[in-house]
C-alpha atoms as a PDB file:
ATOM      1  CA  MET A   1      12.916 -12.227 -30.545  1.00  0.00           C
ATOM      2  CA  ASN A   2      11.663  -8.374 -29.510  1.00  0.00           C
ATOM      3  CA  ARG A   3      12.264  -7.451 -26.184  1.00  0.00           C
ATOM      4  CA  ILE A   4       9.571  -5.154 -24.735  1.00  0.00           C
ATOM      5  CA  LYS A   5      11.280  -2.192 -22.526  1.00  0.00           C
ATOM      6  CA  HIS A   6       8.998  -0.932 -19.261  1.00  0.00           C
ATOM      7  CA  HIS A   7       9.397   2.008 -17.116  1.00  0.00           C
ATOM      8  CA  VAL A   8      10.256  -0.547 -14.026  1.00  0.00           C
ATOM      9  CA  LYS A   9      12.103  -3.635 -12.947  1.00  0.00           C
ATOM     10  CA  LYS A  10      12.192  -6.199 -10.342  1.00  0.00           C
ATOM     11  CA  GLY A  11      13.551  -4.551  -7.316  1.00  0.00           C
ATOM     12  CA  ASP A  12      12.286  -1.390  -7.622  1.00  0.00           C
ATOM     13  CA  GLN A  13      10.348   1.011  -5.273  1.00  0.00           C
ATOM     14  CA  VAL A  14       6.806   1.447  -6.498  1.00  0.00           C
ATOM     15  CA  GLU A  15       3.329   3.360  -5.637  1.00  0.00           C
ATOM     16  CA  VAL A  16      -0.081   1.980  -7.266  1.00  0.00           C
ATOM     17  CA  ILE A  17      -1.308   5.140  -8.822  1.00  0.00           C
ATOM     18  CA  SER A  18      -4.804   3.528  -9.598  1.00  0.00           C
ATOM     19  CA  GLY A  19      -6.949   0.955  -9.051  1.00  0.00           C
ATOM     20  CA  ASN A  20      -8.074  -0.806  -5.855  1.00  0.00           C
ATOM     21  CA  PHE A  21      -4.658  -0.511  -4.331  1.00  0.00           C
ATOM     22  CA  ARG A  22      -4.370   3.324  -5.222  1.00  0.00           C
ATOM     23  CA  GLY A  23      -1.632   4.872  -2.637  1.00  0.00           C
ATOM     24  CA  SER A  24       0.169   1.174  -1.773  1.00  0.00           C
ATOM     25  CA  THR A  25       3.589   1.048  -1.757  1.00  0.00           C
ATOM     26  CA  GLY A  26       6.016  -1.872  -2.581  1.00  0.00           C
ATOM     27  CA  LYS A  27       9.278  -2.896  -3.780  1.00  0.00           C
ATOM     28  CA  ILE A  28       8.682  -5.476  -7.686  1.00  0.00           C
ATOM     29  CA  LEU A  29       9.006  -9.113  -6.878  1.00  0.00           C
ATOM     30  CA  GLU A  30       8.277  -9.726 -10.303  1.00  0.00           C
ATOM     31  CA  VAL A  31       7.967  -8.282 -13.916  1.00  0.00           C
ATOM     32  CA  ILE A  32       5.220 -10.624 -16.459  1.00  0.00           C
ATOM     33  CA  SER A  33       6.464  -9.114 -19.774  1.00  0.00           C
ATOM     34  CA  ARG A  34       4.032 -10.934 -22.077  1.00  0.00           C
ATOM     35  CA  LYS A  35       0.975  -9.821 -20.076  1.00  0.00           C
ATOM     36  CA  ASP A  36       1.986  -6.658 -18.921  1.00  0.00           C
ATOM     37  CA  ARG A  37       1.878  -7.324 -15.340  1.00  0.00           C
ATOM     38  CA  VAL A  38       4.428  -6.631 -11.748  1.00  0.00           C
ATOM     39  CA  LEU A  39       4.042  -8.500  -8.074  1.00  0.00           C
ATOM     40  CA  VAL A  40       4.145  -6.357  -5.979  1.00  0.00           C
ATOM     41  CA  GLU A  41       5.062  -6.747  -2.136  1.00  0.00           C
ATOM     42  CA  GLY A  42       2.370  -6.611   0.174  1.00  0.00           C
ATOM     43  CA  VAL A  43      -0.238  -5.390  -2.643  1.00  0.00           C
ATOM     44  CA  ARG A  44      -3.341  -7.526  -3.530  1.00  0.00           C
ATOM     45  CA  LEU A  45      -2.830 -10.050  -1.532  1.00  0.00           C
ATOM     46  CA  ILE A  46      -4.770 -13.227  -2.669  1.00  0.00           C
ATOM     47  CA  LYS A  47      -5.687 -16.236  -0.646  1.00  0.00           C
ATOM     48  CA  LYS A  48      -4.600 -19.862  -2.443  1.00  0.00           C
ATOM     49  CA  HIS A  49      -6.032 -22.766  -1.279  1.00  0.00           C
ATOM     50  CA  MET A  50      -3.524 -25.649  -0.703  1.00  0.00           C
ATOM     51  CA  ARG A  51      -4.561 -29.303  -1.026  1.00  0.00           C
ATOM     52  CA  LYS A  52      -3.120 -32.213   1.290  1.00  0.00           C
ATOM     53  CA  SER A  53       0.021 -33.389   0.612  1.00  0.00           C
ATOM     54  CA  GLN A  54       3.134 -34.955   2.430  1.00  0.00           C
ATOM     55  CA  ASP A  55       4.641 -31.643   2.578  1.00  0.00           C
ATOM     56  CA  ASN A  56       1.446 -29.826   3.828  1.00  0.00           C
ATOM     57  CA  PRO A  57      -0.753 -33.096   5.678  1.00  0.00           C
ATOM     58  CA  GLN A  58      -3.537 -30.432   7.133  1.00  0.00           C
ATOM     59  CA  GLY A  59      -3.881 -28.043   3.838  1.00  0.00           C
ATOM     60  CA  SER A  60      -3.671 -24.370   4.262  1.00  0.00           C
ATOM     61  CA  ILE A  61      -4.506 -21.413   3.030  1.00  0.00           C
ATOM     62  CA  ALA A  62      -1.898 -19.401   1.762  1.00  0.00           C
ATOM     63  CA  GLU A  63      -1.752 -15.517   1.237  1.00  0.00           C
ATOM     64  CA  ARG A  64       0.383 -14.654  -1.736  1.00  0.00           C
ATOM     65  CA  GLU A  65       0.749 -10.999  -4.229  1.00  0.00           C
ATOM     66  CA  GLY A  66      -1.461 -11.006  -7.096  1.00  0.00           C
ATOM     67  CA  PRO A  67      -0.467  -9.329 -10.146  1.00  0.00           C
ATOM     68  CA  ILE A  68      -1.745  -5.695 -11.218  1.00  0.00           C
ATOM     69  CA  HIS A  69      -1.298  -3.945 -14.498  1.00  0.00           C
ATOM     70  CA  ILE A  70       1.913  -2.408 -15.183  1.00  0.00           C
ATOM     71  CA  SER A  71       0.142   1.048 -16.258  1.00  0.00           C
ATOM     72  CA  ASN A  72      -0.846   1.733 -12.681  1.00  0.00           C
ATOM     73  CA  VAL A  73       2.241   1.686 -10.980  1.00  0.00           C
ATOM     74  CA  LYS A  74       4.825   4.356 -10.702  1.00  0.00           C
ATOM     75  CA  LEU A  75       8.317   4.434 -10.143  1.00  0.00           C
ATOM     76  CA  VAL A  76       9.345   6.460  -6.328  1.00  0.00           C
ATOM     77  CA  GLU A  77      12.389   8.163  -6.726  1.00  0.00           C
ATOM     78  CA  GLN A  78      14.990   7.197  -4.182  1.00  0.00           C
ATOM     79  CA  ALA A  79      17.739   9.810  -2.787  1.00  0.00           C
ATOM     80  CA  GLU A  80      20.030   6.994  -2.621  1.00  0.00           C
ATOM     81  CA  LYS A  81      20.883   6.478  -6.397  1.00  0.00           C
ATOM     82  CA  LYS A  82      23.899   7.840  -6.615  1.00  0.00           C
ATOM     83  CA  PRO A  83      24.511  10.147 -10.012  1.00  0.00           C
ATOM     84  CA  ALA A  84      26.267   8.913 -12.686  1.00  0.00           C
ATOM     85  CA  LYS A  85      29.688   8.953 -13.228  1.00  0.00           C
ATOM     86  CA  LYS A  86      30.371  12.357 -15.702  1.00  0.00           C
ATOM     87  CA  LYS A  87      33.072  11.762 -18.847  1.00  0.00           C
ATOM     88  CA  LYS A  88      35.462  14.123 -19.387  1.00  0.00           C
ATOM     89  CA  PRO A  89      36.093  15.059 -22.683  1.00  0.00           C
ATOM     90  CA  ALA A  90      38.253  14.120 -24.958  1.00  0.00           C
ATOM     91  CA  ALA A  91      40.251  17.710 -25.410  1.00  0.00           C
ATOM     92  CA  GLU A  92      41.011  17.585 -21.723  1.00  0.00           C
ATOM     93  CA  LYS A  93      42.243  13.737 -21.990  1.00  0.00           C
ATOM     94  CA  LYS A  94      44.856  14.915 -24.359  1.00  0.00           C
ATOM     95  CA  LYS A  95      45.729  18.105 -22.668  1.00  0.00           C
ATOM     96  CA  LYS A  96      46.952  16.155 -19.579  1.00  0.00           C
ATOM     97  CA  SER A  97      49.273  13.548 -21.842  1.00  0.00           C
END
């Protein structure tokens, strides 16, 4: 089984760089690896007509996010991210001991 590595992951803050929703920003809700698509919060809202049921006796029209291609989004750098810890070289560790 091969894993596909993408430049974004669930929870990242991204900006749409091309297509009809260019300039929109939002958080990634889901990454669909097989189709190279992502769901971005508040971007490409589509209307889904819900059938009448016990849970929904009147029926309704629900709005939800539609997928966009992963190549159309770029990661927005966040200042909150802390830099990774620097590892001390092995020579410095031996001097202290």
